[in-house]
Amino acid sequence: MRSEESALEAEIRRLDDLGVDELRELCGRILGAVPVNHGAHLLRRRLAYELQARTLGDLSAEIKRRLRRLYQSFNANPQHKPMPRRPLKPGLVLTRTWQGVLHQVQVTDQGFDYRGERFASLSEVARRITGTRWSGPLFFGLKKAGL
């Protein structure tokens, strides 16, 4: 184990020795604010997460956005069942009928082929087809609106 990770583990273990007032003070220093109405257990968890994120790296902006959307969906409907995200495999052909015309897009290792042109994203293809900005995954039915 790297010394950086050993130091992190030791720092997280030390949180167990701190009382709620000390944890709040540490939150103020590390986070810039103290989470309201958090007891010692939640403060320890929040601090441990922040220490790990600073040492090992945080979640990407895309993952944070997805988690926020999932939280909102579950909050609005506890029975919500998210659709799993699966990578698109090269060779897959996506189809969509738009204004009476069938459009086919082939997934490649380098992006997407549509009518002999290569595109980096499905959103670029959707824009070519519709003339307006669209979420490509939404346009081709790979995700539901609002997720």
Protein backbone atom coordinates (compact mmCIF):
# COMPACT_ATOMS: atom_id res chain seq x y z
CA MET A 1 0.00 0.00 0.00
CA ARG A 2 1.31 3.43 -0.87
CA SER A 3 2.27 5.74 1.97
CA GLU A 4 -0.29 8.31 0.74
CA GLU A 5 -3.09 5.77 1.19
CA SER A 6 -1.72 4.67 4.59
CA ALA A 7 -1.69 8.28 5.76
CA LEU A 8 -5.25 8.71 4.50
CA GLU A 9 -6.45 5.63 6.38
CA ALA A 10 -4.78 6.85 9.57
CA GLU A 11 -6.38 10.29 9.18
CA ILE A 12 -9.81 8.74 8.70
CA ARG A 13 -9.34 6.48 11.75
CA ARG A 14 -8.47 9.59 13.82
CA LEU A 15 -11.93 10.98 13.06
CA ASP A 16 -13.33 8.32 15.43
CA ASP A 17 -11.50 9.99 18.33
CA LEU A 18 -13.13 13.39 17.73
CA GLY A 19 -16.28 14.62 19.43
CA VAL A 20 -19.08 16.39 17.60
CA ASP A 21 -17.74 19.90 18.36
CA GLU A 22 -14.28 18.98 17.07
CA LEU A 23 -15.81 17.40 13.97
CA ARG A 24 -17.85 20.54 13.28
CA GLU A 25 -14.75 22.68 13.64
CA LEU A 26 -12.84 20.39 11.26
CA CYS A 27 -15.72 20.52 8.77
CA GLY A 28 -15.54 24.31 8.86
CA ARG A 29 -11.82 24.21 8.07
CA ILE A 30 -11.96 21.52 5.38
CA LEU A 31 -15.34 22.16 3.77
CA GLY A 32 -15.70 25.86 4.47
CA ALA A 33 -19.08 25.17 6.08
CA VAL A 34 -20.60 22.86 8.66
CA PRO A 35 -23.48 20.67 7.47
CA VAL A 36 -26.55 21.65 9.48
CA ASN A 37 -28.22 19.07 11.74
CA HIS A 38 -25.54 16.41 11.25
CA GLY A 39 -24.54 14.29 14.20
CA ALA A 40 -21.06 12.93 14.79
CA HIS A 41 -21.63 9.84 12.63
CA LEU A 42 -22.64 11.80 9.51
CA LEU A 43 -19.91 14.40 10.07
CA ARG A 44 -17.31 11.62 10.17
CA ARG A 45 -18.68 10.12 6.95
CA ARG A 46 -18.71 13.51 5.19
CA LEU A 47 -15.16 14.30 6.30
CA ALA A 48 -13.91 10.83 5.33
CA TYR A 49 -15.41 11.26 1.86
CA GLU A 50 -13.80 14.66 1.43
CA LEU A 51 -10.40 13.43 2.61
CA GLN A 52 -10.59 10.47 0.20
CA ALA A 53 -11.71 12.68 -2.70
CA ARG A 54 -8.84 15.08 -2.13
CA THR A 55 -6.29 12.28 -1.90
CA LEU A 56 -7.56 9.75 -4.44
CA GLY A 57 -9.72 11.89 -6.70
CA ASP A 58 -13.39 12.82 -6.70
CA LEU A 59 -16.26 11.68 -8.88
CA SER A 60 -16.44 13.17 -12.36
CA ALA A 61 -18.88 16.01 -13.05
CA GLU A 62 -20.90 13.64 -15.27
CA ILE A 63 -21.29 11.06 -12.48
CA LYS A 64 -22.28 13.76 -9.97
CA ARG A 65 -24.89 15.04 -12.43
CA ARG A 66 -26.24 11.52 -12.95
CA LEU A 67 -26.43 10.91 -9.19
CA ARG A 68 -28.27 14.23 -8.71
CA ARG A 69 -30.80 13.25 -11.39
CA LEU A 70 -31.26 9.80 -9.87
CA TYR A 71 -31.80 11.35 -6.44
CA GLN A 72 -34.45 13.69 -7.88
CA SER A 73 -36.14 10.78 -9.68
CA PHE A 74 -36.21 8.59 -6.56
CA ASN A 75 -37.37 11.53 -4.46
CA ALA A 76 -40.27 12.20 -6.85
CA ASN A 77 -41.11 8.48 -7.25
CA PRO A 78 -39.70 5.92 -4.79
CA GLN A 79 -40.68 3.16 -7.26
CA HIS A 80 -38.45 4.67 -9.99
CA LYS A 81 -36.44 2.04 -11.86
CA PRO A 82 -33.49 3.57 -13.70
CA MET A 83 -32.50 2.16 -17.05
CA PRO A 84 -28.98 0.67 -16.96
CA ARG A 85 -26.40 2.43 -19.08
CA ARG A 86 -24.74 0.08 -21.48
CA PRO A 87 -21.90 1.05 -23.74
CA LEU A 88 -22.80 0.95 -27.41
CA LYS A 89 -20.87 -1.80 -29.16
CA PRO A 90 -19.33 -1.23 -32.57
CA GLY A 91 -21.52 -2.66 -35.30
CA LEU A 92 -24.78 -1.73 -33.58
CA VAL A 93 -27.20 0.09 -35.89
CA LEU A 94 -29.53 2.65 -34.33
CA THR A 95 -32.67 3.61 -36.24
CA ARG A 96 -35.12 6.46 -35.92
CA THR A 97 -37.92 7.61 -38.14
CA TRP A 98 -38.04 11.39 -38.32
CA GLN A 99 -40.67 13.20 -40.37
CA GLY A 100 -41.44 10.06 -42.32
CA VAL A 101 -37.81 9.24 -43.16
CA LEU A 102 -35.95 6.27 -41.69
CA HIS A 103 -32.48 7.23 -40.40
CA GLN A 104 -29.83 4.62 -39.56
CA VAL A 105 -26.63 5.25 -37.62
CA GLN A 106 -23.90 2.65 -37.18
CA VAL A 107 -21.78 2.62 -34.02
CA THR A 108 -18.04 2.34 -34.78
CA ASP A 109 -14.86 2.31 -32.71
CA GLN A 110 -14.29 5.94 -33.71
CA GLY A 111 -17.83 7.25 -33.19
CA PHE A 112 -20.93 7.07 -35.38
CA ASP A 113 -21.39 6.68 -39.14
CA TYR A 114 -24.42 8.32 -40.71
CA ARG A 115 -24.89 8.47 -44.49
CA GLY A 116 -21.18 8.13 -45.19
CA GLU A 117 -20.07 10.73 -42.63
CA ARG A 118 -18.38 10.07 -39.30
CA PHE A 119 -19.64 11.88 -36.18
CA ALA A 120 -18.09 12.01 -32.72
CA SER A 121 -21.44 11.93 -30.91
CA LEU A 122 -25.03 10.90 -31.36
CA SER A 123 -26.06 14.46 -30.56
CA GLU A 124 -24.20 15.65 -33.67
CA VAL A 125 -26.13 13.09 -35.74
CA ALA A 126 -29.44 14.13 -34.19
CA ARG A 127 -28.67 17.76 -35.00
CA ARG A 128 -27.83 16.86 -38.62
CA ILE A 129 -31.16 15.03 -38.93
CA THR A 130 -33.39 17.59 -37.19
CA GLY A 131 -31.56 20.86 -37.74
CA THR A 132 -31.88 21.64 -34.02
CA ARG A 133 -29.98 20.72 -30.86
CA TRP A 134 -31.03 17.38 -29.42
CA SER A 135 -29.65 14.94 -26.92
CA GLY A 136 -28.56 12.13 -29.22
CA PRO A 137 -29.27 9.36 -26.68
CA LEU A 138 -32.73 10.86 -26.10
CA PHE A 139 -33.41 11.26 -29.83
CA PHE A 140 -32.50 7.62 -30.52
CA GLY A 141 -34.44 6.30 -27.51
CA LEU A 142 -31.43 5.29 -25.43
CA LYS A 143 -32.56 7.30 -22.42
CA LYS A 144 -35.76 8.73 -21.04
CA ALA A 145 -36.37 12.47 -20.81
CA GLY A 146 -35.32 13.94 -17.47
CA LEU A 147 -32.66 11.37 -16.59
